[in-house]
Amino acid sequence: MLKNSFIPYKGYYSSPFCRWQGSLALDNAIELGAKTAKRWLESKKWEPTIFDYVIFGNTVGQHHQFYSSPWAAHMMGARVPAVAMSQACTTSTTCLFFGAMGVELGLFKNVYVMLADRCSNGPHTIWPNPLGPGGEVISENWLMDNFNSDPAVGNKMIETAENVAKEAGITREECDDLTVRRYEQYLDSLKNDREFQRRYMFPVEATVTKKDTKLVEEDEGITPVKKDVIAKMKPVIPGGVLTFATQTHPADGNCGLIVTTREKAKELSADPNIPIQVISYGCARVKPGYMAMAPVPSARMALANAGLDIKDMKVIKTHNPFIVNDIYMAKELGIDPYKFNNYGSSIIYGHPQGPTAGRLIIEGIEETVLLGGGYMLWAGCAAGDTGAALVLKIG
């Protein structure tokens, strides 16, 4: 359990998420994340020099990836040490927790956690293979090859969710119905001219041509989810329960969060009467080929480390690349799947990977504030049948 690591209220932002090959497809994610962070700091009238460390998280290699973290810190105006981290879908959570641990141990006083990814135009990598036939190279398409095969197990990501659905007795109708609910929850964030999203969302300046840019202020590429439509869709895997509607889509985006001491959080907070404390972290790896189970033991670990119960959570947010994740978690933890992930989740607005959990955590903070404060749990799975979870105390 942590005691001395805090996030300033409004000391965070998330960009809109854009479906891959959309408005953010032309921008190097490292550059766009750093430039957006710099613009956001300027809007807050905060100098980048307040930070003594930058943690940069991404999962899809970009040009100059070798220098990613110090380069990103330099571009945002913070000439400080930096480190790059990657943990697939739980990258944001682990970056945030490592920053919190650094503050807790006194290594850092004010950490900027930058998360940025671009699924669009992912790298196509080749390696020398002198012993291959004719010296043929080994090649990899970063996105599609890894979506389609876990090298440790050999199955596709969607197959892990189907494995869990079969073992847990989850039906096609359950999946369709809950996905409709998730879309309705996302629509709540758009009410009153996107009143909820405006609490945390910051626009990105995207490249259109070499000379022209445009401001992207809203999520892009959201597909409406209607029960009568998805009920007619064929499962992706014959005999399975998941369709293209009941899983997420690749996207592009970035976000940032500040992790600091109690005193600095009060100074930077939009309301010093709303402390946001990082309480605990959990992680897990489940049996091979069952990735969708991983949020459950991760959540249990985070709750145990905090000395809390699931019933103590005011708000629960999850990364749900497949709706099976949420149904399984609800069954295992004894919670109502229709009452968490309010205002949106990755199954609806997409999955840029690195920043996905960051946006979900930010939304969870804002929802908890609206409810008068309390504990918030985030949990999600990641490639390799792994998962992570985080507990925050807000207010």
Protein backbone atom coordinates (compact mmCIF):
# COMPACT_ATOMS: atom_id res chain seq x y z
CA MET A 1 0.00 0.00 0.00
CA LEU A 2 1.34 3.41 -0.99
CA LYS A 3 0.91 6.47 1.22
CA ASN A 4 2.76 9.39 -0.35
CA SER A 5 2.01 9.39 -4.10
CA PHE A 6 -0.65 11.67 -5.54
CA ILE A 7 -2.12 12.85 -8.83
CA PRO A 8 -3.19 16.51 -8.91
CA TYR A 9 -6.87 16.94 -9.68
CA LYS A 10 -6.95 17.89 -13.39
CA GLY A 11 -3.26 17.06 -13.56
CA TYR A 12 -3.98 14.84 -16.53
CA TYR A 13 -5.50 14.82 -19.99
CA SER A 14 -6.41 12.41 -22.74
CA SER A 15 -6.57 13.16 -26.41
CA PRO A 16 -9.51 11.95 -28.47
CA PHE A 17 -9.02 8.43 -29.78
CA CYS A 18 -9.17 8.01 -33.56
CA ARG A 19 -9.77 4.72 -35.33
CA TRP A 20 -6.59 3.58 -37.07
CA GLN A 21 -5.87 4.99 -40.52
CA GLY A 22 -7.88 8.05 -39.49
CA SER A 23 -6.87 11.61 -38.60
CA LEU A 24 -3.82 10.68 -36.50
CA ALA A 25 -2.39 8.17 -38.96
CA LEU A 26 0.29 10.49 -40.37
CA ASP A 27 1.89 11.54 -37.08
CA ASN A 28 4.73 9.82 -35.29
CA ALA A 29 3.12 8.93 -31.95
CA ILE A 30 6.20 9.97 -29.95
CA GLU A 31 6.26 13.42 -31.54
CA LEU A 32 2.50 13.89 -31.30
CA GLY A 33 2.43 12.80 -27.65
CA ALA A 34 5.26 15.19 -26.73
CA LYS A 35 3.85 18.13 -28.68
CA THR A 36 0.39 17.61 -27.22
CA ALA A 37 1.86 17.42 -23.72
CA LYS A 38 3.70 20.70 -24.33
CA ARG A 39 0.51 22.41 -25.57
CA TRP A 40 -1.42 21.04 -22.60
CA LEU A 41 1.18 22.30 -20.12
CA GLU A 42 1.08 25.72 -21.79
CA SER A 43 -2.71 25.76 -21.41
CA LYS A 44 -2.23 25.14 -17.68
CA LYS A 45 0.55 27.76 -17.50
CA TRP A 46 2.91 25.12 -16.08
CA GLU A 47 6.58 25.07 -17.05
CA PRO A 48 7.91 21.64 -18.13
CA THR A 49 10.90 22.32 -15.88
CA ILE A 50 8.76 21.39 -12.85
CA PHE A 51 9.36 17.72 -13.68
CA ASP A 52 12.42 15.80 -12.59
CA TYR A 53 11.60 12.58 -14.47
CA VAL A 54 9.56 11.43 -17.45
CA ILE A 55 8.17 7.93 -17.92
CA PHE A 56 7.20 7.28 -21.52
CA GLY A 57 4.97 4.36 -22.45
CA ASN A 58 4.21 3.00 -25.90
CA THR A 59 3.86 -0.41 -27.53
CA VAL A 60 4.07 0.11 -31.29
CA GLY A 61 7.53 1.15 -32.46
CA GLN A 62 7.88 4.54 -34.11
CA HIS A 63 10.70 6.27 -36.00
CA HIS A 64 13.48 7.09 -33.48
CA GLN A 65 12.09 4.53 -31.03
CA PHE A 66 15.64 3.99 -29.72
CA TYR A 67 15.60 7.53 -28.28
CA SER A 68 11.88 7.57 -27.48
CA SER A 69 11.86 8.62 -23.82
CA PRO A 70 14.65 11.25 -23.70
CA TRP A 71 13.52 12.57 -27.07
CA ALA A 72 9.91 12.87 -25.88
CA ALA A 73 11.05 14.67 -22.71
CA HIS A 74 13.19 17.05 -24.79
CA MET A 75 10.32 17.87 -27.17
CA MET A 76 7.93 18.66 -24.31
CA GLY A 77 10.57 20.96 -22.82
CA ALA A 78 11.74 18.83 -19.90
CA ARG A 79 15.47 18.23 -20.19
CA VAL A 80 15.41 15.51 -17.53
CA PRO A 81 16.11 11.77 -17.33
CA ALA A 82 13.47 9.55 -18.87
CA VAL A 83 12.69 5.90 -19.37
CA ALA A 84 10.57 3.98 -21.87
CA MET A 85 8.24 1.21 -20.76
CA SER A 86 6.00 -1.18 -22.65
CA GLN A 87 3.52 -3.71 -21.28
CA ALA A 88 0.99 -3.97 -24.09
CA CYS A 89 -2.50 -2.97 -22.92
CA THR A 90 -1.50 -2.32 -19.29
CA THR A 91 1.34 0.06 -20.19
CA SER A 92 -0.39 3.14 -18.72
CA THR A 93 -1.13 1.45 -15.42
CA THR A 94 2.36 0.12 -14.88
CA CYS A 95 4.00 3.41 -15.95
CA LEU A 96 1.77 5.28 -13.49
CA PHE A 97 2.56 2.85 -10.68
CA PHE A 98 6.31 2.94 -11.32
CA GLY A 99 6.14 6.74 -11.17
CA ALA A 100 4.22 6.49 -7.90
CA MET A 101 6.82 4.10 -6.46
CA GLY A 102 9.57 6.53 -7.41
CA VAL A 103 7.80 9.32 -5.55
CA GLU A 104 7.09 7.01 -2.61
CA LEU A 105 10.79 6.11 -2.30
CA GLY A 106 11.90 9.71 -2.65
CA LEU A 107 13.69 9.13 -5.95
CA PHE A 108 11.49 11.69 -7.73
CA LYS A 109 9.35 14.59 -6.62
CA ASN A 110 7.36 15.34 -9.75
CA VAL A 111 6.97 12.78 -12.54
CA TYR A 112 5.31 13.22 -15.91
CA VAL A 113 3.84 10.01 -17.32
CA MET A 114 3.44 10.27 -21.09
CA LEU A 115 1.52 7.58 -22.99
CA ALA A 116 1.32 7.58 -26.77
CA ASP A 117 0.67 5.02 -29.48
CA ARG A 118 -0.28 4.78 -33.13
CA CYS A 119 -1.72 1.53 -34.40
CA SER A 120 -1.94 3.10 -37.85
CA ASN A 121 0.93 2.36 -40.22
CA GLY A 122 2.63 0.03 -37.76
CA PRO A 123 6.20 -1.04 -38.46
CA HIS A 124 7.09 -3.97 -40.68
CA THR A 125 10.34 -5.31 -39.28
CA ILE A 126 12.92 -7.61 -40.85
CA TRP A 127 15.91 -9.32 -39.25
CA PRO A 128 18.91 -10.94 -40.94
CA ASN A 129 18.72 -14.73 -41.13
CA PRO A 130 22.00 -15.99 -42.63
CA LEU A 131 21.09 -19.62 -41.89
CA GLY A 132 17.73 -19.40 -43.67
CA PRO A 133 17.21 -20.73 -47.23
CA GLY A 134 19.16 -18.35 -49.43
CA GLY A 135 19.61 -16.05 -46.43
CA GLU A 136 15.91 -15.17 -46.39
CA VAL A 137 15.06 -12.55 -43.78
CA ILE A 138 12.73 -13.05 -40.81
CA SER A 139 9.87 -10.56 -40.99
CA GLU A 140 7.16 -9.31 -38.65
CA ASN A 141 4.15 -7.02 -39.05
CA TRP A 142 4.01 -5.50 -35.57
CA LEU A 143 0.24 -5.16 -35.34
CA MET A 144 -1.40 -7.95 -37.23
CA ASP A 145 1.17 -10.67 -36.57
CA ASN A 146 1.00 -10.09 -32.83
CA PHE A 147 -2.79 -9.80 -32.76
CA ASN A 148 -2.92 -13.15 -34.52
CA SER A 149 -0.37 -15.19 -32.62
CA ASP A 150 1.03 -15.24 -29.09
CA PRO A 151 4.51 -16.76 -29.63
CA ALA A 152 4.31 -18.53 -26.27
CA VAL A 153 0.97 -20.19 -26.98
CA GLY A 154 0.26 -19.82 -30.69
CA ASN A 155 -3.33 -18.61 -30.56
CA LYS A 156 -5.01 -15.37 -31.57
CA MET A 157 -6.05 -12.83 -28.96
CA ILE A 158 -9.71 -13.35 -29.76
CA GLU A 159 -9.25 -17.08 -29.17
CA THR A 160 -8.24 -16.36 -25.57
CA ALA A 161 -11.58 -14.66 -25.00
CA GLU A 162 -13.47 -17.50 -26.68
CA ASN A 163 -11.63 -19.97 -24.43
CA VAL A 164 -12.79 -18.06 -21.35
CA ALA A 165 -16.34 -17.79 -22.67
CA LYS A 166 -16.51 -21.54 -23.21
CA GLU A 167 -15.09 -22.39 -19.80
CA ALA A 168 -17.28 -19.87 -17.95
CA GLY A 169 -20.46 -20.64 -19.91
CA ILE A 170 -20.78 -17.12 -21.33
CA THR A 171 -23.39 -16.87 -24.09
CA ARG A 172 -23.63 -14.91 -27.31
CA GLU A 173 -26.71 -13.11 -25.98
CA GLU A 174 -24.86 -11.97 -22.84
CA CYS A 175 -22.09 -10.57 -25.01
CA ASP A 176 -24.45 -8.72 -27.35
CA ASP A 177 -26.58 -7.27 -24.55
CA LEU A 178 -23.68 -5.96 -22.47
CA THR A 179 -21.99 -4.41 -25.52
CA VAL A 180 -25.18 -2.47 -26.24
CA ARG A 181 -25.04 -1.24 -22.64
CA ARG A 182 -21.39 -0.19 -23.06
CA TYR A 183 -22.36 1.91 -26.08
CA GLU A 184 -25.18 3.54 -24.10
CA GLN A 185 -22.68 4.38 -21.36
CA TYR A 186 -20.39 5.99 -23.91
CA LEU A 187 -23.30 8.07 -25.21
CA ASP A 188 -23.70 9.45 -21.67
CA SER A 189 -20.27 11.06 -22.05
CA LEU A 190 -21.55 12.95 -25.12
CA LYS A 191 -24.60 14.48 -23.44
CA ASN A 192 -24.86 18.25 -23.03
CA ASP A 193 -22.29 18.92 -25.73
CA ARG A 194 -19.82 16.31 -24.44
CA GLU A 195 -19.94 17.72 -20.93
CA PHE A 196 -18.24 14.70 -19.34
CA GLN A 197 -15.51 14.34 -21.97
CA ARG A 198 -14.70 18.04 -21.73
CA ARG A 199 -13.69 17.45 -18.10
CA TYR A 200 -10.49 15.76 -19.28
CA MET A 201 -10.18 15.66 -23.08
CA PHE A 202 -7.59 17.86 -24.80
CA PRO A 203 -7.45 18.29 -28.61
CA VAL A 204 -4.52 17.15 -30.74
CA GLU A 205 -3.01 19.00 -33.67
CA ALA A 206 -2.84 16.40 -36.44
CA THR A 207 -0.93 16.50 -39.70
CA VAL A 208 -2.98 16.80 -42.89
CA THR A 209 -0.20 17.63 -45.36
CA LYS A 210 3.43 18.72 -44.94
CA LYS A 211 2.18 22.27 -44.48
CA ASP A 212 -1.30 21.89 -43.03
CA THR A 213 -2.63 20.62 -39.70
CA LYS A 214 -6.06 20.31 -38.14
CA LEU A 215 -7.32 20.21 -34.58
CA VAL A 216 -8.96 16.91 -33.62
CA GLU A 217 -11.29 17.56 -30.70
CA GLU A 218 -13.54 14.47 -30.59
CA ASP A 219 -13.25 10.70 -30.85
CA GLU A 220 -13.27 9.52 -34.41
CA GLY A 221 -14.51 6.28 -35.94
CA ILE A 222 -17.03 5.20 -33.30
CA THR A 223 -19.45 2.58 -34.64
CA PRO A 224 -23.01 2.71 -33.23
CA VAL A 225 -23.95 -0.52 -31.46
CA LYS A 226 -27.55 -1.63 -31.95
CA LYS A 227 -28.92 -4.93 -30.71
CA ASP A 228 -30.90 -5.73 -33.86
CA VAL A 229 -27.79 -5.17 -35.98
CA ILE A 230 -25.23 -7.11 -33.96
CA ALA A 231 -27.68 -9.97 -33.41
CA LYS A 232 -27.45 -10.68 -37.15
CA MET A 233 -23.65 -10.61 -37.26
CA LYS A 234 -21.73 -13.84 -37.66
CA PRO A 235 -19.17 -14.74 -35.01
CA VAL A 236 -15.55 -14.05 -35.95
CA ILE A 237 -14.68 -17.64 -35.09
CA PRO A 238 -17.34 -20.13 -36.25
CA GLY A 239 -19.29 -21.40 -33.26
CA GLY A 240 -17.94 -18.63 -31.03
CA VAL A 241 -19.77 -15.89 -29.10
CA LEU A 242 -17.80 -12.82 -30.28
CA THR A 243 -18.48 -10.72 -33.37
CA PHE A 244 -16.64 -7.68 -34.65
CA ALA A 245 -19.12 -5.60 -32.62
CA THR A 246 -18.24 -7.23 -29.30
CA GLN A 247 -14.52 -6.55 -29.48
CA THR A 248 -12.55 -3.31 -29.65
CA HIS A 249 -10.78 -1.77 -32.65
CA PRO A 250 -7.19 -0.47 -33.05
CA ALA A 251 -6.84 3.30 -32.64
CA ASP A 252 -4.38 6.18 -32.25
CA GLY A 253 -4.07 8.65 -29.37
CA ASN A 254 -2.12 9.86 -26.35
CA CYS A 255 -2.57 10.96 -22.76
CA GLY A 256 -0.56 12.23 -19.81
CA LEU A 257 -0.71 12.19 -16.01
CA ILE A 258 1.35 13.84 -13.28
CA VAL A 259 2.45 11.81 -10.25
CA THR A 260 3.88 13.77 -7.38
CA THR A 261 3.99 14.40 -3.64
CA ARG A 262 0.98 15.40 -1.54
CA GLU A 263 2.27 18.96 -1.25
CA LYS A 264 2.98 19.43 -4.96
CA ALA A 265 -0.35 17.83 -5.88
CA LYS A 266 -2.15 20.44 -3.77
CA GLU A 267 -0.18 23.21 -5.46
CA LEU A 268 -1.00 21.97 -8.97
CA SER A 269 -4.54 20.79 -8.29
CA ALA A 270 -7.55 22.54 -9.81
CA ASP A 271 -9.16 21.92 -6.40
CA PRO A 272 -6.80 21.17 -3.48
CA ASN A 273 -9.77 19.74 -1.59
CA ILE A 274 -9.83 16.78 -3.99
CA PRO A 275 -6.74 14.68 -3.27
CA ILE A 276 -6.11 11.73 -5.60
CA GLN A 277 -3.92 9.13 -3.94
CA VAL A 278 -2.32 6.13 -5.66
CA ILE A 279 -3.07 3.31 -3.21
CA SER A 280 -2.06 -0.04 -4.68
CA TYR A 281 -1.21 -2.11 -7.74
CA GLY A 282 -1.85 -5.69 -8.74
CA CYS A 283 -0.60 -7.93 -11.53
CA ALA A 284 -1.13 -11.51 -12.68
CA ARG A 285 -0.54 -14.07 -15.38
CA VAL A 286 -3.16 -16.73 -16.00
CA LYS A 287 -3.01 -20.10 -17.70
CA PRO A 288 -1.92 -20.12 -21.36
CA GLY A 289 -4.55 -18.97 -23.81
CA TYR A 290 -6.93 -17.41 -21.26
CA MET A 291 -5.96 -13.72 -21.32
CA ALA A 292 -9.51 -12.50 -20.61
CA MET A 293 -9.28 -14.02 -17.10
CA ALA A 294 -6.26 -11.92 -16.09
CA PRO A 295 -8.07 -8.80 -14.79
CA VAL A 296 -9.65 -10.86 -11.99
CA PRO A 297 -6.52 -12.02 -10.11
CA SER A 298 -4.93 -8.62 -10.82
CA ALA A 299 -7.89 -6.84 -9.22
CA ARG A 300 -7.88 -9.20 -6.25
CA MET A 301 -4.19 -8.49 -5.70
CA ALA A 302 -4.64 -4.71 -5.88
CA LEU A 303 -7.60 -4.88 -3.48
CA ALA A 304 -5.70 -7.11 -1.06
CA ASN A 305 -2.68 -4.79 -1.17
CA ALA A 306 -5.00 -1.88 -0.36
CA GLY A 307 -6.77 -3.79 2.43
CA LEU A 308 -10.07 -3.25 0.65
CA ASP A 309 -12.95 -5.26 -0.81
CA ILE A 310 -14.62 -4.95 -4.18
CA LYS A 311 -17.69 -3.61 -2.34
CA ASP A 312 -15.60 -0.63 -1.20
CA MET A 313 -15.15 0.58 -4.77
CA LYS A 314 -17.24 3.58 -5.76
CA VAL A 315 -16.18 3.33 -9.42
CA ILE A 316 -14.84 0.45 -11.51
CA LYS A 317 -13.28 0.87 -14.95
CA THR A 318 -11.85 -1.88 -17.12
CA HIS A 319 -9.99 -2.34 -20.36
CA ASN A 320 -12.36 -4.62 -22.27
CA PRO A 321 -10.87 -5.59 -25.64
CA PHE A 322 -13.51 -8.33 -25.63
CA ILE A 323 -16.82 -8.03 -23.80
CA VAL A 324 -16.13 -11.48 -22.34
CA ASN A 325 -13.61 -9.76 -20.03
CA ASP A 326 -16.32 -7.77 -18.26
CA ILE A 327 -18.79 -10.64 -18.05
CA TYR A 328 -16.21 -12.98 -16.57
CA MET A 329 -14.96 -10.36 -14.09
CA ALA A 330 -18.51 -9.59 -12.96
CA LYS A 331 -19.24 -13.28 -12.38
CA GLU A 332 -16.01 -13.88 -10.46
CA LEU A 333 -16.15 -10.76 -8.28
CA GLY A 334 -19.90 -10.74 -7.70
CA ILE A 335 -20.61 -7.35 -9.27
CA ASP A 336 -23.20 -6.12 -11.75
CA PRO A 337 -21.61 -5.78 -15.21
CA TYR A 338 -24.18 -3.17 -16.19
CA LYS A 339 -23.08 -0.78 -13.43
CA PHE A 340 -19.39 -0.32 -14.18
CA ASN A 341 -17.53 1.34 -17.08
CA ASN A 342 -19.85 4.33 -16.98
CA TYR A 343 -19.16 7.07 -19.57
CA GLY A 344 -17.16 4.81 -21.85
CA SER A 345 -14.65 2.01 -22.28
CA SER A 346 -12.16 0.78 -24.83
CA ILE A 347 -14.54 -1.69 -26.45
CA ILE A 348 -16.42 1.35 -27.82
CA TYR A 349 -13.88 4.12 -28.35
CA GLY A 350 -10.97 1.96 -29.41
CA HIS A 351 -7.60 0.78 -28.21
CA PRO A 352 -4.39 2.69 -29.01
CA GLN A 353 -2.73 0.30 -26.49
CA GLY A 354 -0.23 2.50 -24.61
CA PRO A 355 -2.67 5.27 -23.57
CA THR A 356 -5.83 3.14 -23.32
CA ALA A 357 -5.67 2.42 -19.59
CA GLY A 358 -4.60 6.02 -18.94
CA ARG A 359 -7.79 7.39 -20.44
CA LEU A 360 -9.88 4.86 -18.53
CA ILE A 361 -8.20 5.81 -15.24
CA ILE A 362 -8.75 9.50 -15.96
CA GLU A 363 -12.43 8.88 -16.69
CA GLY A 364 -12.68 6.88 -13.48
CA ILE A 365 -11.22 9.77 -11.49
CA GLU A 366 -13.72 12.21 -12.97
CA GLU A 367 -16.67 9.89 -12.34
CA THR A 368 -15.58 9.38 -8.73
CA VAL A 369 -15.38 13.14 -8.22
CA LEU A 370 -18.91 13.53 -9.58
CA LEU A 371 -20.08 10.91 -7.09
CA GLY A 372 -18.54 12.75 -4.15
CA GLY A 373 -15.29 10.79 -3.85
CA GLY A 374 -14.28 7.31 -2.80
CA TYR A 375 -12.18 4.42 -4.06
CA MET A 376 -11.73 3.59 -7.72
CA LEU A 377 -10.51 0.35 -9.28
CA TRP A 378 -9.07 -0.05 -12.75
CA ALA A 379 -8.33 -3.53 -14.11
CA GLY A 380 -7.45 -4.92 -17.51
CA CYS A 381 -5.73 -7.67 -19.46
CA ALA A 382 -2.64 -7.52 -21.64
CA ALA A 383 -0.86 -9.63 -24.23
CA GLY A 384 0.68 -12.85 -22.96
CA ASP A 385 -2.23 -13.79 -20.67
CA THR A 386 -1.21 -11.05 -18.25
CA GLY A 387 -3.16 -8.34 -16.45
CA ALA A 388 -2.82 -5.41 -14.05
CA ALA A 389 -4.97 -3.37 -11.71
CA LEU A 390 -4.77 -0.11 -9.80
CA VAL A 391 -6.66 1.30 -6.81
CA LEU A 392 -6.95 5.06 -6.28
CA LYS A 393 -8.52 7.02 -3.42
CA ILE A 394 -10.20 10.21 -4.58
CA GLY A 395 -11.41 12.94 -2.23
